[in-house]
Amino acid sequence: MTTQSEIEQRLLDLLRREILRGQSTVDLDTDLVAAGVDSLSLVSILLFVEREYGAWMPEMEITAEVLKNVRSLAAHVLKHLA
């Protein structure tokens, strides 16, 4: 069973490696929108979640609260896996 902390780490890796390149200061509590996650980045995140976990999260479910930080995003992903 996948845990929230595993999802958090995978999302952090994705953000640091592909989406927010060079921003190694991104951590679990970084505001994702303020850090530069935009609509194109969001599509990349959603495709990553679908590819890695087999769960699709409709864009309309991705609110400012979900994008508040990696913790809230990972919690939302975990709900889709349950």
PDB file of N, CA and C in Angstrom:
ATOM      1  N   MET A   1       0.841  -1.186   0.000  1.00  0.00           N
ATOM      2  CA  MET A   1       0.000   0.000   0.000  1.00  0.00           C
ATOM      3  C   MET A   1       0.887   1.251   0.000  1.00  0.00           C
ATOM      4  N   THR A   2       0.541   2.184  -0.817  1.00  0.00           N
ATOM      5  CA  THR A   2       1.282   3.427  -0.929  1.00  0.00           C
ATOM      6  C   THR A   2       0.908   4.346   0.222  1.00  0.00           C
ATOM      7  N   THR A   3       1.905   4.973   0.822  1.00  0.00           N
ATOM      8  CA  THR A   3       1.653   5.892   1.926  1.00  0.00           C
ATOM      9  C   THR A   3       1.733   7.341   1.444  1.00  0.00           C
ATOM     10  N   GLN A   4       1.205   8.232   2.248  1.00  0.00           N
ATOM     11  CA  GLN A   4       1.261   9.642   1.891  1.00  0.00           C
ATOM     12  C   GLN A   4       2.703  10.121   1.812  1.00  0.00           C
ATOM     13  N   SER A   5       3.548   9.656   2.719  1.00  0.00           N
ATOM     14  CA  SER A   5       4.938  10.118   2.687  1.00  0.00           C
ATOM     15  C   SER A   5       5.654   9.654   1.414  1.00  0.00           C
ATOM     16  N   GLU A   6       5.314   8.470   0.908  1.00  0.00           N
ATOM     17  CA  GLU A   6       5.900   8.010  -0.356  1.00  0.00           C
ATOM     18  C   GLU A   6       5.443   8.902  -1.515  1.00  0.00           C
ATOM     19  N   ILE A   7       4.167   9.242  -1.524  1.00  0.00           N
ATOM     20  CA  ILE A   7       3.642  10.115  -2.576  1.00  0.00           C
ATOM     21  C   ILE A   7       4.292  11.486  -2.472  1.00  0.00           C
ATOM     22  N   GLU A   8       4.424  12.000  -1.262  1.00  0.00           N
ATOM     23  CA  GLU A   8       5.065  13.300  -1.061  1.00  0.00           C
ATOM     24  C   GLU A   8       6.475  13.309  -1.646  1.00  0.00           C
ATOM     25  N   GLN A   9       7.231  12.258  -1.370  1.00  0.00           N
ATOM     26  CA  GLN A   9       8.612  12.205  -1.861  1.00  0.00           C
ATOM     27  C   GLN A   9       8.667  12.135  -3.379  1.00  0.00           C
ATOM     28  N   ARG A  10       7.789  11.332  -3.974  1.00  0.00           N
ATOM     29  CA  ARG A  10       7.757  11.215  -5.438  1.00  0.00           C
ATOM     30  C   ARG A  10       7.367  12.545  -6.090  1.00  0.00           C
ATOM     31  N   LEU A  11       6.385  13.238  -5.478  1.00  0.00           N
ATOM     32  CA  LEU A  11       5.982  14.535  -6.003  1.00  0.00           C
ATOM     33  C   LEU A  11       7.103  15.567  -5.867  1.00  0.00           C
ATOM     34  N   LEU A  12       7.786  15.558  -4.726  1.00  0.00           N
ATOM     35  CA  LEU A  12       8.927  16.462  -4.546  1.00  0.00           C
ATOM     36  C   LEU A  12       9.988  16.213  -5.605  1.00  0.00           C
ATOM     37  N   ASP A  13      10.280  14.948  -5.849  1.00  0.00           N
ATOM     38  CA  ASP A  13      11.270  14.602  -6.874  1.00  0.00           C
ATOM     39  C   ASP A  13      10.849  15.138  -8.242  1.00  0.00           C
ATOM     40  N   LEU A  14       9.584  14.929  -8.593  1.00  0.00           N
ATOM     41  CA  LEU A  14       9.063  15.421  -9.871  1.00  0.00           C
ATOM     42  C   LEU A  14       9.173  16.938  -9.951  1.00  0.00           C
ATOM     43  N   LEU A  15       8.740  17.617  -8.916  1.00  0.00           N
ATOM     44  CA  LEU A  15       8.779  19.078  -8.915  1.00  0.00           C
ATOM     45  C   LEU A  15      10.199  19.602  -9.062  1.00  0.00           C
ATOM     46  N   ARG A  16      11.122  19.027  -8.325  1.00  0.00           N
ATOM     47  CA  ARG A  16      12.514  19.493  -8.359  1.00  0.00           C
ATOM     48  C   ARG A  16      13.201  19.157  -9.678  1.00  0.00           C
ATOM     49  N   ARG A  17      12.905  17.988 -10.219  1.00  0.00           N
ATOM     50  CA  ARG A  17      13.597  17.501 -11.415  1.00  0.00           C
ATOM     51  C   ARG A  17      13.023  18.064 -12.709  1.00  0.00           C
ATOM     52  N   GLU A  18      11.698  18.177 -12.798  1.00  0.00           N
ATOM     53  CA  GLU A  18      11.084  18.503 -14.080  1.00  0.00           C
ATOM     54  C   GLU A  18      10.262  19.783 -14.110  1.00  0.00           C
ATOM     55  N   ILE A  19       9.617  20.111 -13.025  1.00  0.00           N
ATOM     56  CA  ILE A  19       8.663  21.222 -13.073  1.00  0.00           C
ATOM     57  C   ILE A  19       9.267  22.529 -12.570  1.00  0.00           C
ATOM     58  N   LEU A  20       9.888  22.492 -11.431  1.00  0.00           N
ATOM     59  CA  LEU A  20      10.489  23.703 -10.854  1.00  0.00           C
ATOM     60  C   LEU A  20      12.002  23.561 -10.853  1.00  0.00           C
ATOM     61  N   ARG A  21      12.531  23.233 -11.988  1.00  0.00           N
ATOM     62  CA  ARG A  21      13.967  22.968 -12.136  1.00  0.00           C
ATOM     63  C   ARG A  21      14.813  24.000 -11.412  1.00  0.00           C
ATOM     64  N   GLY A  22      15.771  23.490 -10.666  1.00  0.00           N
ATOM     65  CA  GLY A  22      16.716  24.365 -10.001  1.00  0.00           C
ATOM     66  C   GLY A  22      16.243  24.956  -8.691  1.00  0.00           C
ATOM     67  N   GLN A  23      15.003  24.700  -8.330  1.00  0.00           N
ATOM     68  CA  GLN A  23      14.494  25.226  -7.070  1.00  0.00           C
ATOM     69  C   GLN A  23      14.576  24.148  -6.000  1.00  0.00           C
ATOM     70  N   SER A  24      15.767  23.858  -5.565  1.00  0.00           N
ATOM     71  CA  SER A  24      15.969  22.799  -4.573  1.00  0.00           C
ATOM     72  C   SER A  24      15.383  23.171  -3.216  1.00  0.00           C
ATOM     73  N   THR A  25      14.956  24.427  -3.076  1.00  0.00           N
ATOM     74  CA  THR A  25      14.359  24.845  -1.811  1.00  0.00           C
ATOM     75  C   THR A  25      12.909  24.401  -1.688  1.00  0.00           C
ATOM     76  N   VAL A  26      12.352  23.811  -2.735  1.00  0.00           N
ATOM     77  CA  VAL A  26      10.981  23.308  -2.668  1.00  0.00           C
ATOM     78  C   VAL A  26      10.935  22.181  -1.647  1.00  0.00           C
ATOM     79  N   ASP A  27      10.020  22.315  -0.687  1.00  0.00           N
ATOM     80  CA  ASP A  27       9.861  21.270   0.315  1.00  0.00           C
ATOM     81  C   ASP A  27       8.382  20.961   0.502  1.00  0.00           C
ATOM     82  N   LEU A  28       8.051  20.194   1.501  1.00  0.00           N
ATOM     83  CA  LEU A  28       6.673  19.752   1.710  1.00  0.00           C
ATOM     84  C   LEU A  28       5.702  20.892   1.965  1.00  0.00           C
ATOM     85  N   ASP A  29       6.203  22.019   2.470  1.00  0.00           N
ATOM     86  CA  ASP A  29       5.329  23.127   2.841  1.00  0.00           C
ATOM     87  C   ASP A  29       5.371  24.312   1.885  1.00  0.00           C
ATOM     88  N   THR A  30       6.129  24.204   0.796  1.00  0.00           N
ATOM     89  CA  THR A  30       6.224  25.292  -0.179  1.00  0.00           C
ATOM     90  C   THR A  30       4.886  25.492  -0.876  1.00  0.00           C
ATOM     91  N   ASP A  31       4.441  26.734  -0.955  1.00  0.00           N
ATOM     92  CA  ASP A  31       3.226  27.069  -1.702  1.00  0.00           C
ATOM     93  C   ASP A  31       3.527  26.814  -3.174  1.00  0.00           C
ATOM     94  N   LEU A  32       2.839  25.860  -3.769  1.00  0.00           N
ATOM     95  CA  LEU A  32       3.160  25.438  -5.129  1.00  0.00           C
ATOM     96  C   LEU A  32       2.857  26.507  -6.172  1.00  0.00           C
ATOM     97  N   VAL A  33       1.756  27.213  -6.011  1.00  0.00           N
ATOM     98  CA  VAL A  33       1.420  28.255  -6.980  1.00  0.00           C
ATOM     99  C   VAL A  33       2.444  29.385  -6.891  1.00  0.00           C
ATOM    100  N   ALA A  34       2.783  29.799  -5.688  1.00  0.00           N
ATOM    101  CA  ALA A  34       3.785  30.860  -5.507  1.00  0.00           C
ATOM    102  C   ALA A  34       5.151  30.429  -6.046  1.00  0.00           C
ATOM    103  N   ALA A  35       5.432  29.123  -5.996  1.00  0.00           N
ATOM    104  CA  ALA A  35       6.720  28.615  -6.477  1.00  0.00           C
ATOM    105  C   ALA A  35       6.784  28.532  -7.998  1.00  0.00           C
ATOM    106  N   GLY A  36       5.615  28.637  -8.659  1.00  0.00           N
ATOM    107  CA  GLY A  36       5.632  28.633 -10.117  1.00  0.00           C
ATOM    108  C   GLY A  36       4.836  27.535 -10.791  1.00  0.00           C
ATOM    109  N   VAL A  37       4.076  26.747 -10.036  1.00  0.00           N
ATOM    110  CA  VAL A  37       3.231  25.726 -10.667  1.00  0.00           C
ATOM    111  C   VAL A  37       2.090  26.445 -11.372  1.00  0.00           C
ATOM    112  N   ASP A  38       2.010  26.248 -12.690  1.00  0.00           N
ATOM    113  CA  ASP A  38       0.965  26.867 -13.499  1.00  0.00           C
ATOM    114  C   ASP A  38       0.122  25.775 -14.151  1.00  0.00           C
ATOM    115  N   SER A  39      -0.744  26.149 -15.075  1.00  0.00           N
ATOM    116  CA  SER A  39      -1.649  25.174 -15.681  1.00  0.00           C
ATOM    117  C   SER A  39      -0.897  24.096 -16.460  1.00  0.00           C
ATOM    118  N   LEU A  40       0.168  24.459 -17.133  1.00  0.00           N
ATOM    119  CA  LEU A  40       0.963  23.469 -17.859  1.00  0.00           C
ATOM    120  C   LEU A  40       1.651  22.514 -16.886  1.00  0.00           C
ATOM    121  N   SER A  41       2.160  23.061 -15.804  1.00  0.00           N
ATOM    122  CA  SER A  41       2.778  22.230 -14.764  1.00  0.00           C
ATOM    123  C   SER A  41       1.759  21.278 -14.156  1.00  0.00           C
ATOM    124  N   LEU A  42       0.547  21.787 -13.968  1.00  0.00           N
ATOM    125  CA  LEU A  42      -0.509  20.971 -13.388  1.00  0.00           C
ATOM    126  C   LEU A  42      -0.817  19.768 -14.268  1.00  0.00           C
ATOM    127  N   VAL A  43      -0.848  19.966 -15.574  1.00  0.00           N
ATOM    128  CA  VAL A  43      -1.082  18.846 -16.488  1.00  0.00           C
ATOM    129  C   VAL A  43       0.032  17.812 -16.329  1.00  0.00           C
ATOM    130  N   SER A  44       1.266  18.261 -16.217  1.00  0.00           N
ATOM    131  CA  SER A  44       2.386  17.331 -16.015  1.00  0.00           C
ATOM    132  C   SER A  44       2.231  16.547 -14.722  1.00  0.00           C
ATOM    133  N   ILE A  45       1.796  17.225 -13.668  1.00  0.00           N
ATOM    134  CA  ILE A  45       1.583  16.552 -12.386  1.00  0.00           C
ATOM    135  C   ILE A  45       0.469  15.517 -12.506  1.00  0.00           C
ATOM    136  N   LEU A  46      -0.637  15.906 -13.143  1.00  0.00           N
ATOM    137  CA  LEU A  46      -1.766  14.978 -13.296  1.00  0.00           C
ATOM    138  C   LEU A  46      -1.379  13.759 -14.124  1.00  0.00           C
ATOM    139  N   LEU A  47      -0.607  13.958 -15.183  1.00  0.00           N
ATOM    140  CA  LEU A  47      -0.147  12.829 -15.998  1.00  0.00           C
ATOM    141  C   LEU A  47       0.806  11.938 -15.213  1.00  0.00           C
ATOM    142  N   PHE A  48       1.654  12.535 -14.408  1.00  0.00           N
ATOM    143  CA  PHE A  48       2.561  11.770 -13.545  1.00  0.00           C
ATOM    144  C   PHE A  48       1.767  10.895 -12.587  1.00  0.00           C
ATOM    145  N   VAL A  49       0.760  11.464 -11.944  1.00  0.00           N
ATOM    146  CA  VAL A  49      -0.071  10.708 -10.990  1.00  0.00           C
ATOM    147  C   VAL A  49      -0.773   9.559 -11.696  1.00  0.00           C
ATOM    148  N   GLU A  50      -1.299   9.824 -12.885  1.00  0.00           N
ATOM    149  CA  GLU A  50      -1.978   8.759 -13.626  1.00  0.00           C
ATOM    150  C   GLU A  50      -0.999   7.650 -14.012  1.00  0.00           C
ATOM    151  N   ARG A  51       0.170   8.030 -14.477  1.00  0.00           N
ATOM    152  CA  ARG A  51       1.173   7.050 -14.908  1.00  0.00           C
ATOM    153  C   ARG A  51       1.711   6.237 -13.718  1.00  0.00           C
ATOM    154  N   GLU A  52       2.007   6.905 -12.634  1.00  0.00           N
ATOM    155  CA  GLU A  52       2.631   6.243 -11.482  1.00  0.00           C
ATOM    156  C   GLU A  52       1.652   5.478 -10.607  1.00  0.00           C
ATOM    157  N   TYR A  53       0.436   5.996 -10.476  1.00  0.00           N
ATOM    158  CA  TYR A  53      -0.510   5.419  -9.520  1.00  0.00           C
ATOM    159  C   TYR A  53      -1.799   4.908 -10.158  1.00  0.00           C
ATOM    160  N   GLY A  54      -1.974   5.136 -11.446  1.00  0.00           N
ATOM    161  CA  GLY A  54      -3.171   4.654 -12.116  1.00  0.00           C
ATOM    162  C   GLY A  54      -4.434   5.387 -11.724  1.00  0.00           C
ATOM    163  N   ALA A  55      -4.289   6.593 -11.199  1.00  0.00           N
ATOM    164  CA  ALA A  55      -5.451   7.373 -10.768  1.00  0.00           C
ATOM    165  C   ALA A  55      -5.487   8.686 -11.535  1.00  0.00           C
ATOM    166  N   TRP A  56      -6.650   9.016 -12.047  1.00  0.00           N
ATOM    167  CA  TRP A  56      -6.811  10.296 -12.722  1.00  0.00           C
ATOM    168  C   TRP A  56      -7.565  11.237 -11.796  1.00  0.00           C
ATOM    169  N   MET A  57      -7.028  12.433 -11.627  1.00  0.00           N
ATOM    170  CA  MET A  57      -7.685  13.451 -10.818  1.00  0.00           C
ATOM    171  C   MET A  57      -8.189  14.537 -11.758  1.00  0.00           C
ATOM    172  N   PRO A  58      -9.492  14.704 -11.851  1.00  0.00           N
ATOM    173  CA  PRO A  58     -10.030  15.739 -12.737  1.00  0.00           C
ATOM    174  C   PRO A  58      -9.500  17.122 -12.354  1.00  0.00           C
ATOM    175  N   GLU A  59      -9.203  17.922 -13.355  1.00  0.00           N
ATOM    176  CA  GLU A  59      -8.661  19.260 -13.107  1.00  0.00           C
ATOM    177  C   GLU A  59      -9.550  20.091 -12.197  1.00  0.00           C
ATOM    178  N   MET A  60     -10.873  19.904 -12.317  1.00  0.00           N
ATOM    179  CA  MET A  60     -11.776  20.723 -11.506  1.00  0.00           C
ATOM    180  C   MET A  60     -11.643  20.416 -10.010  1.00  0.00           C
ATOM    181  N   GLU A  61     -11.039  19.287  -9.660  1.00  0.00           N
ATOM    182  CA  GLU A  61     -10.813  18.962  -8.251  1.00  0.00           C
ATOM    183  C   GLU A  61      -9.549  19.609  -7.708  1.00  0.00           C
ATOM    184  N   ILE A  62      -8.721  20.129  -8.588  1.00  0.00           N
ATOM    185  CA  ILE A  62      -7.453  20.701  -8.161  1.00  0.00           C
ATOM    186  C   ILE A  62      -7.683  22.169  -7.822  1.00  0.00           C
ATOM    187  N   THR A  63      -7.940  22.405  -6.557  1.00  0.00           N
ATOM    188  CA  THR A  63      -8.241  23.747  -6.065  1.00  0.00           C
ATOM    189  C   THR A  63      -6.994  24.390  -5.465  1.00  0.00           C
ATOM    190  N   ALA A  64      -7.128  25.633  -5.086  1.00  0.00           N
ATOM    191  CA  ALA A  64      -6.027  26.332  -4.421  1.00  0.00           C
ATOM    192  C   ALA A  64      -5.637  25.607  -3.136  1.00  0.00           C
ATOM    193  N   GLU A  65      -6.615  25.024  -2.468  1.00  0.00           N
ATOM    194  CA  GLU A  65      -6.324  24.287  -1.225  1.00  0.00           C
ATOM    195  C   GLU A  65      -5.489  23.046  -1.516  1.00  0.00           C
ATOM    196  N   VAL A  66      -5.779  22.342  -2.592  1.00  0.00           N
ATOM    197  CA  VAL A  66      -5.010  21.151  -2.966  1.00  0.00           C
ATOM    198  C   VAL A  66      -3.586  21.545  -3.355  1.00  0.00           C
ATOM    199  N   LEU A  67      -3.429  22.695  -4.017  1.00  0.00           N
ATOM    200  CA  LEU A  67      -2.108  23.143  -4.449  1.00  0.00           C
ATOM    201  C   LEU A  67      -1.393  23.985  -3.396  1.00  0.00           C
ATOM    202  N   LYS A  68      -1.957  24.012  -2.208  1.00  0.00           N
ATOM    203  CA  LYS A  68      -1.348  24.781  -1.123  1.00  0.00           C
ATOM    204  C   LYS A  68       0.105  24.366  -0.900  1.00  0.00           C
ATOM    205  N   ASN A  69       0.350  23.057  -0.947  1.00  0.00           N
ATOM    206  CA  ASN A  69       1.713  22.532  -0.779  1.00  0.00           C
ATOM    207  C   ASN A  69       1.737  21.057  -1.176  1.00  0.00           C
ATOM    208  N   VAL A  70       2.902  20.453  -1.114  1.00  0.00           N
ATOM    209  CA  VAL A  70       3.044  19.048  -1.503  1.00  0.00           C
ATOM    210  C   VAL A  70       2.246  18.138  -0.575  1.00  0.00           C
ATOM    211  N   ARG A  71       2.190  18.476   0.703  1.00  0.00           N
ATOM    212  CA  ARG A  71       1.420  17.651   1.655  1.00  0.00           C
ATOM    213  C   ARG A  71      -0.045  17.554   1.246  1.00  0.00           C
ATOM    214  N   SER A  72      -0.660  18.695   0.940  1.00  0.00           N
ATOM    215  CA  SER A  72      -2.078  18.674   0.582  1.00  0.00           C
ATOM    216  C   SER A  72      -2.299  17.995  -0.766  1.00  0.00           C
ATOM    217  N   LEU A  73      -1.380  18.184  -1.701  1.00  0.00           N
ATOM    218  CA  LEU A  73      -1.491  17.513  -2.995  1.00  0.00           C
ATOM    219  C   LEU A  73      -1.374  16.000  -2.825  1.00  0.00           C
ATOM    220  N   ALA A  74      -0.417  15.558  -2.035  1.00  0.00           N
ATOM    221  CA  ALA A  74      -0.242  14.122  -1.791  1.00  0.00           C
ATOM    222  C   ALA A  74      -1.455  13.526  -1.091  1.00  0.00           C
ATOM    223  N   ALA A  75      -2.042  14.251  -0.157  1.00  0.00           N
ATOM    224  CA  ALA A  75      -3.240  13.771   0.534  1.00  0.00           C
ATOM    225  C   ALA A  75      -4.378  13.594  -0.466  1.00  0.00           C
ATOM    226  N   HIS A  76      -4.490  14.518  -1.419  1.00  0.00           N
ATOM    227  CA  HIS A  76      -5.528  14.416  -2.430  1.00  0.00           C
ATOM    228  C   HIS A  76      -5.290  13.221  -3.347  1.00  0.00           C
ATOM    229  N   VAL A  77      -4.055  12.994  -3.719  1.00  0.00           N
ATOM    230  CA  VAL A  77      -3.722  11.825  -4.539  1.00  0.00           C
ATOM    231  C   VAL A  77      -4.096  10.559  -3.777  1.00  0.00           C
ATOM    232  N   LEU A  78      -3.740  10.492  -2.518  1.00  0.00           N
ATOM    233  CA  LEU A  78      -4.009   9.306  -1.699  1.00  0.00           C
ATOM    234  C   LEU A  78      -5.500   9.005  -1.637  1.00  0.00           C
ATOM    235  N   LYS A  79      -6.330  10.043  -1.579  1.00  0.00           N
ATOM    236  CA  LYS A  79      -7.800   9.840  -1.571  1.00  0.00           C
ATOM    237  C   LYS A  79      -8.247   9.125  -2.829  1.00  0.00           C
ATOM    238  N   HIS A  80      -7.605   9.440  -3.950  1.00  0.00           N
ATOM    239  CA  HIS A  80      -7.981   8.809  -5.222  1.00  0.00           C
ATOM    240  C   HIS A  80      -7.506   7.365  -5.308  1.00  0.00           C
ATOM    241  N   LEU A  81      -6.560   7.003  -4.465  1.00  0.00           N
ATOM    242  CA  LEU A  81      -6.066   5.628  -4.464  1.00  0.00           C
ATOM    243  C   LEU A  81      -6.887   4.724  -3.560  1.00  0.00           C
ATOM    244  N   ALA A  82      -7.648   5.324  -2.667  1.00  0.00           N
ATOM    245  CA  ALA A  82      -8.440   4.539  -1.700  1.00  0.00           C
ATOM    246  C   ALA A  82      -9.646   3.909  -2.342  1.00  0.00           C
TER     247      ALA A  82
END
